Amino acid sequence: MDMILASVLSFSDPAALTTALALVGWLYFPVRQLIWRYFFDRRSSGLEEWMAQSLPVMLTAHRIGDGDQAIQLALDSVFSPLASGLEKSAATDAAIKDNGESLVVPLPDSQYVLRLHNAEQGRRLFSRKDLKIAKLVIDLNEILRESVVAKAAGAQQERQRIRQDLHDDLGAKLLTLLHRSDDQSRPIVKEAISDLRTILSKQMAAGIGLKDACHQWHDEAILRCAERGITLHWHCVEKDALLTPNEYGHLSRMLRESLTNAIKHAQPSAITIRLSTDDALRIEVINDGVDSARETTAGHGSESLRQRAAELAGECQQWQEEGRWHVLITVQLAGLAKP
């Protein structure tokens, strides 16, 4: 082009060079690129294509519990950058950097951004269209995350419903059968109740609601008191909370130990159990049948109660008052704030 302008049109050398550069840069290259895209690069980065590239990657990441990497894997799949990595930044909007060589995408609920370098293995620069695609990928990832959370919540609710049905229906029938059984069949019914309790406990790997735990503790207390003709006064909580398996195990054993101590070291006619929640969970076990004149000393059971309460960052207090023995267990529960 420079030679044609200089020889045919008799341009001066500086004018010919300047005009040639302008024609090539502003006319020839853009037209050539349009023709190339029209005839040889017909595959567009439209909705169908980038969804086909990003959706399977994000689904796989969420299924294996690697949701934090889903966006990075999806954007790598869509743009095929030469390199990508995380950088700490306070940016809140996606942006094109380094004259189109880099695309910066903020990650949701994070102090980091994902920086992609050189799209399509360096064959092109990032464009404003890529910004829209990156935002759509983030929105799609949020939809997938919410669907995974909803699916897990639905599965947990179904497990909870099945557990509650087992507890209410089968548990009640077994308790009725126990009271009507003779001495020969009573051990078999007790074993069935124990097996049911074991099955329900194994379903609590992710935790159990405090109200559900109270139902199970109530059933066990009724059974033990009924066997010895003791009247049980039960007062349950109204506020719910999620107990971890460790909290549920320790609290169950402490309540069981308190009942054992009351039955073993006294001759109670009635046992009162109160569970209350405000800033902490309080379990109070009160039994009569204690000899006021006899000095009570802490035994192995009382020490076990204190140790278990301490493991839950709580405390266990025990005292005698007016012929009644009081056990007060106070435990701080992390799940009380988020039922």
C-alpha atoms as a PDB file:
ATOM      1  CA  MET A   1       0.000   0.000   0.000  1.00  0.00           C
ATOM      2  CA  ASP A   2       2.878   2.354   0.821  1.00  0.00           C
ATOM      3  CA  MET A   3       4.552   1.591  -2.543  1.00  0.00           C
ATOM      4  CA  ILE A   4       1.295   2.137  -4.477  1.00  0.00           C
ATOM      5  CA  LEU A   5       0.683   5.502  -2.801  1.00  0.00           C
ATOM      6  CA  ALA A   6       4.304   6.624  -3.367  1.00  0.00           C
ATOM      7  CA  SER A   7       4.699   5.475  -6.986  1.00  0.00           C
ATOM      8  CA  VAL A   8       1.255   5.626  -8.566  1.00  0.00           C
ATOM      9  CA  LEU A   9      -0.256   8.590  -6.699  1.00  0.00           C
ATOM     10  CA  SER A  10       3.086  10.367  -6.222  1.00  0.00           C
ATOM     11  CA  PHE A  11       2.620  10.862  -2.464  1.00  0.00           C
ATOM     12  CA  SER A  12       5.623  12.018  -0.508  1.00  0.00           C
ATOM     13  CA  ASP A  13       7.304   9.331   1.581  1.00  0.00           C
ATOM     14  CA  PRO A  14       5.951  10.541   4.997  1.00  0.00           C
ATOM     15  CA  ALA A  15       2.456  11.106   3.594  1.00  0.00           C
ATOM     16  CA  ALA A  16       2.435   7.710   1.843  1.00  0.00           C
ATOM     17  CA  LEU A  17       3.495   5.885   5.029  1.00  0.00           C
ATOM     18  CA  THR A  18       0.948   7.694   7.204  1.00  0.00           C
ATOM     19  CA  THR A  19      -1.904   7.122   4.749  1.00  0.00           C
ATOM     20  CA  ALA A  20      -0.952   3.461   4.288  1.00  0.00           C
ATOM     21  CA  LEU A  21      -0.990   2.838   8.049  1.00  0.00           C
ATOM     22  CA  ALA A  22      -4.376   4.543   8.381  1.00  0.00           C
ATOM     23  CA  LEU A  23      -5.930   2.553   5.530  1.00  0.00           C
ATOM     24  CA  VAL A  24      -4.572  -0.767   6.779  1.00  0.00           C
ATOM     25  CA  GLY A  25      -5.428  -0.176  10.436  1.00  0.00           C
ATOM     26  CA  TRP A  26      -8.822   1.483  10.029  1.00  0.00           C
ATOM     27  CA  LEU A  27     -10.124  -0.200   6.887  1.00  0.00           C
ATOM     28  CA  TYR A  28      -8.304  -3.366   5.825  1.00  0.00           C
ATOM     29  CA  PHE A  29      -7.956  -5.111   9.208  1.00  0.00           C
ATOM     30  CA  PRO A  30     -11.581  -4.493  10.365  1.00  0.00           C
ATOM     31  CA  VAL A  31     -13.016  -5.575   6.994  1.00  0.00           C
ATOM     32  CA  ARG A  32     -10.784  -8.660   6.911  1.00  0.00           C
ATOM     33  CA  GLN A  33     -11.861  -9.581  10.456  1.00  0.00           C
ATOM     34  CA  LEU A  34     -15.546  -9.222   9.578  1.00  0.00           C
ATOM     35  CA  ILE A  35     -15.136 -11.396   6.467  1.00  0.00           C
ATOM     36  CA  TRP A  36     -13.181 -14.008   8.429  1.00  0.00           C
ATOM     37  CA  ARG A  37     -15.808 -14.202  11.139  1.00  0.00           C
ATOM     38  CA  TYR A  38     -18.635 -14.411   8.621  1.00  0.00           C
ATOM     39  CA  PHE A  39     -17.188 -17.237   6.525  1.00  0.00           C
ATOM     40  CA  PHE A  40     -14.807 -19.144   8.786  1.00  0.00           C
ATOM     41  CA  ASP A  41     -15.669 -18.401  12.429  1.00  0.00           C
ATOM     42  CA  ARG A  42     -19.452 -18.789  12.427  1.00  0.00           C
ATOM     43  CA  ARG A  43     -19.590 -20.270  15.908  1.00  0.00           C
ATOM     44  CA  SER A  44     -20.809 -17.424  18.115  1.00  0.00           C
ATOM     45  CA  SER A  45     -20.349 -17.102  21.822  1.00  0.00           C
ATOM     46  CA  GLY A  46     -24.086 -16.874  22.309  1.00  0.00           C
ATOM     47  CA  LEU A  47     -26.298 -18.033  25.118  1.00  0.00           C
ATOM     48  CA  GLU A  48     -26.439 -21.659  24.002  1.00  0.00           C
ATOM     49  CA  GLU A  49     -22.688 -21.990  23.650  1.00  0.00           C
ATOM     50  CA  TRP A  50     -21.521 -20.480  26.920  1.00  0.00           C
ATOM     51  CA  MET A  51     -24.270 -22.265  28.855  1.00  0.00           C
ATOM     52  CA  ALA A  52     -23.234 -25.560  27.260  1.00  0.00           C
ATOM     53  CA  GLN A  53     -19.665 -24.845  28.344  1.00  0.00           C
ATOM     54  CA  SER A  54     -20.286 -23.519  31.855  1.00  0.00           C
ATOM     55  CA  LEU A  55     -23.356 -25.347  33.131  1.00  0.00           C
ATOM     56  CA  PRO A  56     -21.925 -28.918  33.251  1.00  0.00           C
ATOM     57  CA  VAL A  57     -18.769 -27.658  34.964  1.00  0.00           C
ATOM     58  CA  MET A  58     -20.690 -25.776  37.651  1.00  0.00           C
ATOM     59  CA  LEU A  59     -23.102 -28.673  38.222  1.00  0.00           C
ATOM     60  CA  THR A  60     -20.194 -31.059  38.743  1.00  0.00           C
ATOM     61  CA  ALA A  61     -18.477 -28.650  41.143  1.00  0.00           C
ATOM     62  CA  HIS A  62     -21.617 -28.210  43.250  1.00  0.00           C
ATOM     63  CA  ARG A  63     -22.341 -31.946  43.324  1.00  0.00           C
ATOM     64  CA  ILE A  64     -18.918 -32.756  44.757  1.00  0.00           C
ATOM     65  CA  GLY A  65     -19.236 -29.933  47.302  1.00  0.00           C
ATOM     66  CA  ASP A  66     -16.692 -27.633  45.594  1.00  0.00           C
ATOM     67  CA  GLY A  67     -19.023 -24.703  44.996  1.00  0.00           C
ATOM     68  CA  ASP A  68     -16.271 -22.142  45.689  1.00  0.00           C
ATOM     69  CA  GLN A  69     -14.430 -23.271  42.554  1.00  0.00           C
ATOM     70  CA  ALA A  70     -17.529 -23.415  40.348  1.00  0.00           C
ATOM     71  CA  ILE A  71     -17.253 -19.864  38.973  1.00  0.00           C
ATOM     72  CA  GLN A  72     -13.541 -20.159  38.219  1.00  0.00           C
ATOM     73  CA  LEU A  73     -13.997 -23.503  36.450  1.00  0.00           C
ATOM     74  CA  ALA A  74     -16.949 -22.152  34.460  1.00  0.00           C
ATOM     75  CA  LEU A  75     -15.168 -18.967  33.331  1.00  0.00           C
ATOM     76  CA  ASP A  76     -12.059 -20.956  32.425  1.00  0.00           C
ATOM     77  CA  SER A  77     -14.267 -23.213  30.313  1.00  0.00           C
ATOM     78  CA  VAL A  78     -16.039 -20.328  28.565  1.00  0.00           C
ATOM     79  CA  PHE A  79     -13.061 -18.045  27.858  1.00  0.00           C
ATOM     80  CA  SER A  80     -10.134 -20.541  27.738  1.00  0.00           C
ATOM     81  CA  PRO A  81      -7.628 -18.021  29.159  1.00  0.00           C
ATOM     82  CA  LEU A  82      -3.898 -18.565  29.113  1.00  0.00           C
ATOM     83  CA  ALA A  83      -3.918 -18.179  32.902  1.00  0.00           C
ATOM     84  CA  SER A  84      -6.296 -17.371  35.728  1.00  0.00           C
ATOM     85  CA  GLY A  85      -5.943 -16.795  39.452  1.00  0.00           C
ATOM     86  CA  LEU A  86      -7.397 -15.227  42.564  1.00  0.00           C
ATOM     87  CA  GLU A  87      -6.368 -11.800  43.822  1.00  0.00           C
ATOM     88  CA  LYS A  88      -7.442  -9.982  46.959  1.00  0.00           C
ATOM     89  CA  SER A  89      -9.404  -6.886  45.986  1.00  0.00           C
ATOM     90  CA  ALA A  90     -12.335  -4.740  47.091  1.00  0.00           C
ATOM     91  CA  ALA A  91     -13.736  -4.510  43.541  1.00  0.00           C
ATOM     92  CA  THR A  92     -17.475  -5.127  43.251  1.00  0.00           C
ATOM     93  CA  ASP A  93     -18.004  -5.029  39.471  1.00  0.00           C
ATOM     94  CA  ALA A  94     -16.490  -7.025  36.645  1.00  0.00           C
ATOM     95  CA  ALA A  95     -14.087  -4.998  34.514  1.00  0.00           C
ATOM     96  CA  ILE A  96     -11.706  -5.279  31.588  1.00  0.00           C
ATOM     97  CA  LYS A  97      -8.096  -4.445  32.438  1.00  0.00           C
ATOM     98  CA  ASP A  98      -4.738  -4.070  30.663  1.00  0.00           C
ATOM     99  CA  ASN A  99      -6.272  -2.842  27.384  1.00  0.00           C
ATOM    100  CA  GLY A 100      -8.388  -5.981  27.027  1.00  0.00           C
ATOM    101  CA  GLU A 101      -5.748  -8.532  28.018  1.00  0.00           C
ATOM    102  CA  SER A 102      -7.360  -9.254  31.417  1.00  0.00           C
ATOM    103  CA  LEU A 103     -10.875  -9.726  32.751  1.00  0.00           C
ATOM    104  CA  VAL A 104     -11.450  -9.165  36.474  1.00  0.00           C
ATOM    105  CA  VAL A 105     -14.536 -10.824  38.007  1.00  0.00           C
ATOM    106  CA  PRO A 106     -15.438 -10.299  41.708  1.00  0.00           C
ATOM    107  CA  LEU A 107     -16.483 -13.489  43.491  1.00  0.00           C
ATOM    108  CA  PRO A 108     -19.757 -13.349  45.472  1.00  0.00           C
ATOM    109  CA  ASP A 109     -19.436 -13.096  49.271  1.00  0.00           C
ATOM    110  CA  SER A 110     -15.660 -12.952  49.043  1.00  0.00           C
ATOM    111  CA  GLN A 111     -12.789 -10.482  49.324  1.00  0.00           C
ATOM    112  CA  TYR A 112     -11.185 -11.954  46.213  1.00  0.00           C
ATOM    113  CA  VAL A 113     -11.538 -11.390  42.477  1.00  0.00           C
ATOM    114  CA  LEU A 114     -10.791 -13.809  39.659  1.00  0.00           C
ATOM    115  CA  ARG A 115      -8.416 -12.423  37.027  1.00  0.00           C
ATOM    116  CA  LEU A 116      -8.405 -14.091  33.596  1.00  0.00           C
ATOM    117  CA  HIS A 117      -5.473 -13.421  31.243  1.00  0.00           C
ATOM    118  CA  ASN A 118      -5.650 -13.523  27.426  1.00  0.00           C
ATOM    119  CA  ALA A 119      -8.916 -15.004  26.180  1.00  0.00           C
ATOM    120  CA  GLU A 120      -8.980 -18.067  23.905  1.00  0.00           C
ATOM    121  CA  GLN A 121      -5.364 -18.894  24.645  1.00  0.00           C
ATOM    122  CA  GLY A 122      -4.233 -15.415  23.611  1.00  0.00           C
ATOM    123  CA  ARG A 123      -6.011 -15.305  20.252  1.00  0.00           C
ATOM    124  CA  ARG A 124      -8.199 -12.316  21.150  1.00  0.00           C
ATOM    125  CA  LEU A 125      -8.817  -9.557  23.669  1.00  0.00           C
ATOM    126  CA  PHE A 126     -11.673  -9.389  26.133  1.00  0.00           C
ATOM    127  CA  SER A 127     -14.665  -7.306  25.049  1.00  0.00           C
ATOM    128  CA  ARG A 128     -17.717  -5.707  26.622  1.00  0.00           C
ATOM    129  CA  LYS A 129     -19.698  -8.747  25.517  1.00  0.00           C
ATOM    130  CA  ASP A 130     -17.454 -10.874  27.729  1.00  0.00           C
ATOM    131  CA  LEU A 131     -18.392  -8.693  30.696  1.00  0.00           C
ATOM    132  CA  LYS A 132     -22.061  -9.571  30.190  1.00  0.00           C
ATOM    133  CA  ILE A 133     -21.242 -13.260  29.853  1.00  0.00           C
ATOM    134  CA  ALA A 134     -19.198 -13.205  33.080  1.00  0.00           C
ATOM    135  CA  LYS A 135     -22.101 -11.598  34.968  1.00  0.00           C
ATOM    136  CA  LEU A 136     -24.517 -14.188  33.554  1.00  0.00           C
ATOM    137  CA  VAL A 137     -22.196 -16.997  34.686  1.00  0.00           C
ATOM    138  CA  ILE A 138     -22.203 -15.563  38.223  1.00  0.00           C
ATOM    139  CA  ASP A 139     -26.009 -15.327  38.202  1.00  0.00           C
ATOM    140  CA  LEU A 140     -26.296 -18.896  36.916  1.00  0.00           C
ATOM    141  CA  ASN A 141     -23.952 -20.105  39.642  1.00  0.00           C
ATOM    142  CA  GLU A 142     -26.113 -18.421  42.290  1.00  0.00           C
ATOM    143  CA  ILE A 143     -29.202 -20.190  40.908  1.00  0.00           C
ATOM    144  CA  LEU A 144     -27.394 -23.529  41.040  1.00  0.00           C
ATOM    145  CA  ARG A 145     -26.179 -22.870  44.580  1.00  0.00           C
ATOM    146  CA  GLU A 146     -29.691 -22.048  45.749  1.00  0.00           C
ATOM    147  CA  SER A 147     -31.047 -25.191  44.076  1.00  0.00           C
ATOM    148  CA  VAL A 148     -28.423 -27.357  45.809  1.00  0.00           C
ATOM    149  CA  VAL A 149     -29.254 -25.773  49.175  1.00  0.00           C
ATOM    150  CA  ALA A 150     -32.975 -26.248  48.562  1.00  0.00           C
ATOM    151  CA  LYS A 151     -32.453 -29.889  47.599  1.00  0.00           C
ATOM    152  CA  ALA A 152     -30.432 -30.549  50.756  1.00  0.00           C
ATOM    153  CA  ALA A 153     -33.044 -28.796  52.878  1.00  0.00           C
ATOM    154  CA  GLY A 154     -35.807 -30.847  51.271  1.00  0.00           C
ATOM    155  CA  ALA A 155     -33.935 -34.082  51.901  1.00  0.00           C
ATOM    156  CA  GLN A 156     -33.342 -33.083  55.527  1.00  0.00           C
ATOM    157  CA  GLN A 157     -37.030 -32.266  55.983  1.00  0.00           C
ATOM    158  CA  GLU A 158     -38.016 -35.634  54.532  1.00  0.00           C
ATOM    159  CA  ARG A 159     -35.613 -37.465  56.849  1.00  0.00           C
ATOM    160  CA  GLN A 160     -37.014 -35.447  59.727  1.00  0.00           C
ATOM    161  CA  ARG A 161     -40.574 -36.390  58.749  1.00  0.00           C
ATOM    162  CA  ILE A 162     -39.707 -40.087  58.568  1.00  0.00           C
ATOM    163  CA  ARG A 163     -37.917 -39.917  61.916  1.00  0.00           C
ATOM    164  CA  GLN A 164     -40.866 -38.106  63.484  1.00  0.00           C
ATOM    165  CA  ASP A 165     -43.320 -40.688  62.090  1.00  0.00           C
ATOM    166  CA  LEU A 166     -41.214 -43.516  63.501  1.00  0.00           C
ATOM    167  CA  HIS A 167     -41.017 -41.781  66.838  1.00  0.00           C
ATOM    168  CA  ASP A 168     -44.708 -40.856  67.101  1.00  0.00           C
ATOM    169  CA  ASP A 169     -46.354 -43.949  65.621  1.00  0.00           C
ATOM    170  CA  LEU A 170     -44.074 -46.884  66.249  1.00  0.00           C
ATOM    171  CA  GLY A 171     -42.687 -45.488  69.514  1.00  0.00           C
ATOM    172  CA  ALA A 172     -46.133 -44.908  70.979  1.00  0.00           C
ATOM    173  CA  LYS A 173     -47.274 -48.401  70.019  1.00  0.00           C
ATOM    174  CA  LEU A 174     -44.197 -49.993  71.568  1.00  0.00           C
ATOM    175  CA  LEU A 175     -44.722 -48.077  74.819  1.00  0.00           C
ATOM    176  CA  THR A 176     -48.360 -49.208  74.938  1.00  0.00           C
ATOM    177  CA  LEU A 177     -47.278 -52.781  74.241  1.00  0.00           C
ATOM    178  CA  LEU A 178     -44.677 -52.568  77.006  1.00  0.00           C
ATOM    179  CA  HIS A 179     -47.261 -51.608  79.622  1.00  0.00           C
ATOM    180  CA  ARG A 180     -49.523 -54.461  78.545  1.00  0.00           C
ATOM    181  CA  SER A 181     -46.786 -57.095  78.319  1.00  0.00           C
ATOM    182  CA  ASP A 182     -46.188 -59.839  80.851  1.00  0.00           C
ATOM    183  CA  ASP A 183     -42.834 -60.486  82.480  1.00  0.00           C
ATOM    184  CA  GLN A 184     -41.829 -62.966  79.788  1.00  0.00           C
ATOM    185  CA  SER A 185     -42.376 -60.702  76.758  1.00  0.00           C
ATOM    186  CA  ARG A 186     -41.360 -57.419  78.418  1.00  0.00           C
ATOM    187  CA  PRO A 187     -37.592 -57.841  77.687  1.00  0.00           C
ATOM    188  CA  ILE A 188     -38.360 -58.338  73.973  1.00  0.00           C
ATOM    189  CA  VAL A 189     -40.382 -55.105  73.838  1.00  0.00           C
ATOM    190  CA  LYS A 190     -37.618 -53.255  75.684  1.00  0.00           C
ATOM    191  CA  GLU A 191     -35.114 -54.517  73.128  1.00  0.00           C
ATOM    192  CA  ALA A 192     -37.358 -53.308  70.295  1.00  0.00           C
ATOM    193  CA  ILE A 193     -37.574 -49.859  71.920  1.00  0.00           C
ATOM    194  CA  SER A 194     -33.794 -49.792  72.285  1.00  0.00           C
ATOM    195  CA  ASP A 195     -33.357 -50.757  68.617  1.00  0.00           C
ATOM    196  CA  LEU A 196     -35.760 -47.990  67.571  1.00  0.00           C
ATOM    197  CA  ARG A 197     -33.820 -45.459  69.636  1.00  0.00           C
ATOM    198  CA  THR A 198     -30.577 -46.623  67.998  1.00  0.00           C
ATOM    199  CA  ILE A 199     -32.068 -46.220  64.507  1.00  0.00           C
ATOM    200  CA  LEU A 200     -33.248 -42.707  65.290  1.00  0.00           C
ATOM    201  CA  SER A 201     -29.876 -41.771  66.762  1.00  0.00           C
ATOM    202  CA  LYS A 202     -28.018 -42.909  63.630  1.00  0.00           C
ATOM    203  CA  GLN A 203     -30.112 -40.505  61.564  1.00  0.00           C
ATOM    204  CA  MET A 204     -28.804 -37.570  63.595  1.00  0.00           C
ATOM    205  CA  ALA A 205     -25.375 -37.296  61.990  1.00  0.00           C
ATOM    206  CA  ALA A 206     -26.142 -33.726  60.893  1.00  0.00           C
ATOM    207  CA  GLY A 207     -27.690 -32.763  64.223  1.00  0.00           C
ATOM    208  CA  ILE A 208     -31.160 -32.811  65.738  1.00  0.00           C
ATOM    209  CA  GLY A 209     -33.622 -30.153  66.777  1.00  0.00           C
ATOM    210  CA  LEU A 210     -33.923 -29.494  70.495  1.00  0.00           C
ATOM    211  CA  LYS A 211     -37.667 -30.118  70.467  1.00  0.00           C
ATOM    212  CA  ASP A 212     -37.178 -33.500  68.785  1.00  0.00           C
ATOM    213  CA  ALA A 213     -34.528 -34.365  71.354  1.00  0.00           C
ATOM    214  CA  CYS A 214     -36.973 -33.417  74.136  1.00  0.00           C
ATOM    215  CA  HIS A 215     -39.530 -35.861  72.734  1.00  0.00           C
ATOM    216  CA  GLN A 216     -37.001 -38.678  72.881  1.00  0.00           C
ATOM    217  CA  TRP A 217     -35.821 -37.753  76.379  1.00  0.00           C
ATOM    218  CA  HIS A 218     -39.459 -37.576  77.491  1.00  0.00           C
ATOM    219  CA  ASP A 219     -40.183 -41.073  76.164  1.00  0.00           C
ATOM    220  CA  GLU A 220     -37.164 -42.532  77.948  1.00  0.00           C
ATOM    221  CA  ALA A 221     -38.047 -40.768  81.212  1.00  0.00           C
ATOM    222  CA  ILE A 222     -41.661 -41.993  81.039  1.00  0.00           C
ATOM    223  CA  LEU A 223     -40.480 -45.561  80.490  1.00  0.00           C
ATOM    224  CA  ARG A 224     -38.019 -45.547  83.400  1.00  0.00           C
ATOM    225  CA  CYS A 225     -40.433 -43.871  85.817  1.00  0.00           C
ATOM    226  CA  ALA A 226     -43.365 -46.105  84.841  1.00  0.00           C
ATOM    227  CA  GLU A 227     -41.299 -49.226  85.543  1.00  0.00           C
ATOM    228  CA  ARG A 228     -40.874 -48.128  89.167  1.00  0.00           C
ATOM    229  CA  GLY A 229     -44.253 -46.506  89.732  1.00  0.00           C
ATOM    230  CA  ILE A 230     -42.808 -42.983  89.891  1.00  0.00           C
ATOM    231  CA  THR A 231     -44.890 -40.005  88.815  1.00  0.00           C
ATOM    232  CA  LEU A 232     -43.144 -37.892  86.179  1.00  0.00           C
ATOM    233  CA  HIS A 233     -43.787 -34.149  85.840  1.00  0.00           C
ATOM    234  CA  TRP A 234     -42.326 -32.974  82.533  1.00  0.00           C
ATOM    235  CA  HIS A 235     -41.962 -29.367  81.379  1.00  0.00           C
ATOM    236  CA  CYS A 236     -40.420 -28.957  77.905  1.00  0.00           C
ATOM    237  CA  VAL A 237     -38.871 -26.036  76.034  1.00  0.00           C
ATOM    238  CA  GLU A 238     -40.725 -23.812  73.603  1.00  0.00           C
ATOM    239  CA  LYS A 239     -37.712 -22.383  71.770  1.00  0.00           C
ATOM    240  CA  ASP A 240     -36.055 -24.690  69.256  1.00  0.00           C
ATOM    241  CA  ALA A 241     -32.366 -25.007  68.435  1.00  0.00           C
ATOM    242  CA  LEU A 242     -30.109 -27.326  66.478  1.00  0.00           C
ATOM    243  CA  LEU A 243     -28.057 -29.680  68.640  1.00  0.00           C
ATOM    244  CA  THR A 244     -24.848 -31.105  67.277  1.00  0.00           C
ATOM    245  CA  PRO A 245     -24.356 -34.878  67.663  1.00  0.00           C
ATOM    246  CA  ASN A 246     -21.837 -34.164  70.447  1.00  0.00           C
ATOM    247  CA  GLU A 247     -24.254 -31.892  72.330  1.00  0.00           C
ATOM    248  CA  TYR A 248     -27.105 -34.343  71.932  1.00  0.00           C
ATOM    249  CA  GLY A 249     -24.979 -37.235  73.182  1.00  0.00           C
ATOM    250  CA  HIS A 250     -23.703 -35.437  76.285  1.00  0.00           C
ATOM    251  CA  LEU A 251     -27.099 -33.983  77.201  1.00  0.00           C
ATOM    252  CA  SER A 252     -28.793 -37.379  76.788  1.00  0.00           C
ATOM    253  CA  ARG A 253     -26.247 -39.037  79.061  1.00  0.00           C
ATOM    254  CA  MET A 254     -26.474 -36.272  81.675  1.00  0.00           C
ATOM    255  CA  LEU A 255     -30.259 -36.499  81.816  1.00  0.00           C
ATOM    256  CA  ARG A 256     -30.045 -40.296  81.991  1.00  0.00           C
ATOM    257  CA  GLU A 257     -27.451 -40.103  84.768  1.00  0.00           C
ATOM    258  CA  SER A 258     -29.606 -37.654  86.739  1.00  0.00           C
ATOM    259  CA  LEU A 259     -32.563 -40.055  86.554  1.00  0.00           C
ATOM    260  CA  THR A 260     -30.364 -42.969  87.562  1.00  0.00           C
ATOM    261  CA  ASN A 261     -29.049 -41.088  90.596  1.00  0.00           C
ATOM    262  CA  ALA A 262     -32.575 -40.105  91.656  1.00  0.00           C
ATOM    263  CA  ILE A 263     -33.855 -43.677  91.390  1.00  0.00           C
ATOM    264  CA  LYS A 264     -30.752 -45.270  92.906  1.00  0.00           C
ATOM    265  CA  HIS A 265     -30.022 -42.973  95.850  1.00  0.00           C
ATOM    266  CA  ALA A 266     -33.582 -42.031  96.881  1.00  0.00           C
ATOM    267  CA  GLN A 267     -37.023 -43.507  97.040  1.00  0.00           C
ATOM    268  CA  PRO A 268     -38.855 -40.882  95.014  1.00  0.00           C
ATOM    269  CA  SER A 269     -42.585 -40.852  94.525  1.00  0.00           C
ATOM    270  CA  ALA A 270     -42.305 -38.110  91.910  1.00  0.00           C
ATOM    271  CA  ILE A 271     -39.611 -36.667  89.652  1.00  0.00           C
ATOM    272  CA  THR A 272     -39.874 -33.258  88.001  1.00  0.00           C
ATOM    273  CA  ILE A 273     -37.866 -32.411  84.895  1.00  0.00           C
ATOM    274  CA  ARG A 274     -37.861 -28.860  83.534  1.00  0.00           C
ATOM    275  CA  LEU A 275     -36.128 -27.752  80.354  1.00  0.00           C
ATOM    276  CA  SER A 276     -35.936 -24.036  79.600  1.00  0.00           C
ATOM    277  CA  THR A 277     -34.091 -21.858  77.111  1.00  0.00           C
ATOM    278  CA  ASP A 278     -33.263 -18.182  77.018  1.00  0.00           C
ATOM    279  CA  ASP A 279     -29.595 -17.398  76.524  1.00  0.00           C
ATOM    280  CA  ALA A 280     -28.698 -20.977  77.555  1.00  0.00           C
ATOM    281  CA  LEU A 281     -30.281 -24.406  77.921  1.00  0.00           C
ATOM    282  CA  ARG A 282     -31.201 -25.297  81.501  1.00  0.00           C
ATOM    283  CA  ILE A 283     -32.166 -28.813  82.527  1.00  0.00           C
ATOM    284  CA  GLU A 284     -33.449 -29.162  86.095  1.00  0.00           C
ATOM    285  CA  VAL A 285     -34.170 -32.560  87.679  1.00  0.00           C
ATOM    286  CA  ILE A 286     -35.914 -32.549  91.079  1.00  0.00           C
ATOM    287  CA  ASN A 287     -36.853 -35.632  93.077  1.00  0.00           C
ATOM    288  CA  ASP A 288     -38.297 -36.216  96.521  1.00  0.00           C
ATOM    289  CA  GLY A 289     -37.618 -39.204  98.755  1.00  0.00           C
ATOM    290  CA  VAL A 290     -34.362 -37.751 100.094  1.00  0.00           C
ATOM    291  CA  ASP A 291     -33.626 -38.078 103.818  1.00  0.00           C
ATOM    292  CA  SER A 292     -33.131 -34.495 104.993  1.00  0.00           C
ATOM    293  CA  ALA A 293     -31.100 -35.624 107.993  1.00  0.00           C
ATOM    294  CA  ARG A 294     -28.677 -37.672 105.926  1.00  0.00           C
ATOM    295  CA  GLU A 295     -25.636 -35.849 104.590  1.00  0.00           C
ATOM    296  CA  THR A 296     -25.230 -36.412 100.887  1.00  0.00           C
ATOM    297  CA  THR A 297     -21.813 -36.733  99.298  1.00  0.00           C
ATOM    298  CA  ALA A 298     -20.854 -36.480  95.651  1.00  0.00           C
ATOM    299  CA  GLY A 299     -20.378 -39.867  94.091  1.00  0.00           C
ATOM    300  CA  HIS A 300     -19.132 -41.083  90.748  1.00  0.00           C
ATOM    301  CA  GLY A 301     -22.410 -40.147  89.002  1.00  0.00           C
ATOM    302  CA  SER A 302     -22.285 -36.563  90.247  1.00  0.00           C
ATOM    303  CA  GLU A 303     -18.687 -36.181  89.117  1.00  0.00           C
ATOM    304  CA  SER A 304     -19.601 -37.563  85.684  1.00  0.00           C
ATOM    305  CA  LEU A 305     -22.325 -34.926  85.378  1.00  0.00           C
ATOM    306  CA  ARG A 306     -19.879 -32.130  86.132  1.00  0.00           C
ATOM    307  CA  GLN A 307     -17.334 -33.436  83.654  1.00  0.00           C
ATOM    308  CA  ARG A 308     -19.833 -33.758  80.835  1.00  0.00           C
ATOM    309  CA  ALA A 309     -21.211 -30.274  81.491  1.00  0.00           C
ATOM    310  CA  ALA A 310     -17.673 -28.879  81.460  1.00  0.00           C
ATOM    311  CA  GLU A 311     -17.022 -30.508  78.067  1.00  0.00           C
ATOM    312  CA  LEU A 312     -19.938 -28.470  76.709  1.00  0.00           C
ATOM    313  CA  ALA A 313     -18.580 -25.290  78.377  1.00  0.00           C
ATOM    314  CA  GLY A 314     -21.399 -25.473  80.929  1.00  0.00           C
ATOM    315  CA  GLU A 315     -21.836 -26.310  84.595  1.00  0.00           C
ATOM    316  CA  CYS A 316     -23.782 -28.691  86.792  1.00  0.00           C
ATOM    317  CA  GLN A 317     -25.031 -27.679  90.226  1.00  0.00           C
ATOM    318  CA  GLN A 318     -26.509 -30.080  92.805  1.00  0.00           C
ATOM    319  CA  TRP A 319     -28.029 -29.371  96.191  1.00  0.00           C
ATOM    320  CA  GLN A 320     -30.564 -30.610  98.705  1.00  0.00           C
ATOM    321  CA  GLU A 321     -33.460 -28.450  99.842  1.00  0.00           C
ATOM    322  CA  GLU A 322     -36.467 -29.364 101.997  1.00  0.00           C
ATOM    323  CA  GLY A 323     -36.238 -33.075 101.373  1.00  0.00           C
ATOM    324  CA  ARG A 324     -35.749 -32.691  97.634  1.00  0.00           C
ATOM    325  CA  TRP A 325     -32.638 -33.215  95.539  1.00  0.00           C
ATOM    326  CA  HIS A 326     -31.975 -30.647  92.807  1.00  0.00           C
ATOM    327  CA  VAL A 327     -29.755 -31.069  89.763  1.00  0.00           C
ATOM    328  CA  LEU A 328     -29.354 -28.000  87.516  1.00  0.00           C
ATOM    329  CA  ILE A 329     -27.442 -28.344  84.245  1.00  0.00           C
ATOM    330  CA  THR A 330     -26.678 -25.121  82.350  1.00  0.00           C
ATOM    331  CA  VAL A 331     -25.167 -25.321  78.865  1.00  0.00           C
ATOM    332  CA  GLN A 332     -24.531 -22.627  76.266  1.00  0.00           C
ATOM    333  CA  LEU A 333     -25.771 -23.797  72.852  1.00  0.00           C
ATOM    334  CA  ALA A 334     -24.439 -22.245  69.659  1.00  0.00           C
ATOM    335  CA  GLY A 335     -27.608 -23.298  67.835  1.00  0.00           C
ATOM    336  CA  LEU A 336     -29.917 -21.285  70.102  1.00  0.00           C
ATOM    337  CA  ALA A 337     -29.278 -18.147  68.052  1.00  0.00           C
ATOM    338  CA  LYS A 338     -30.013 -19.957  64.769  1.00  0.00           C
ATOM    339  CA  PRO A 339     -32.823 -22.489  65.190  1.00  0.00           C
END
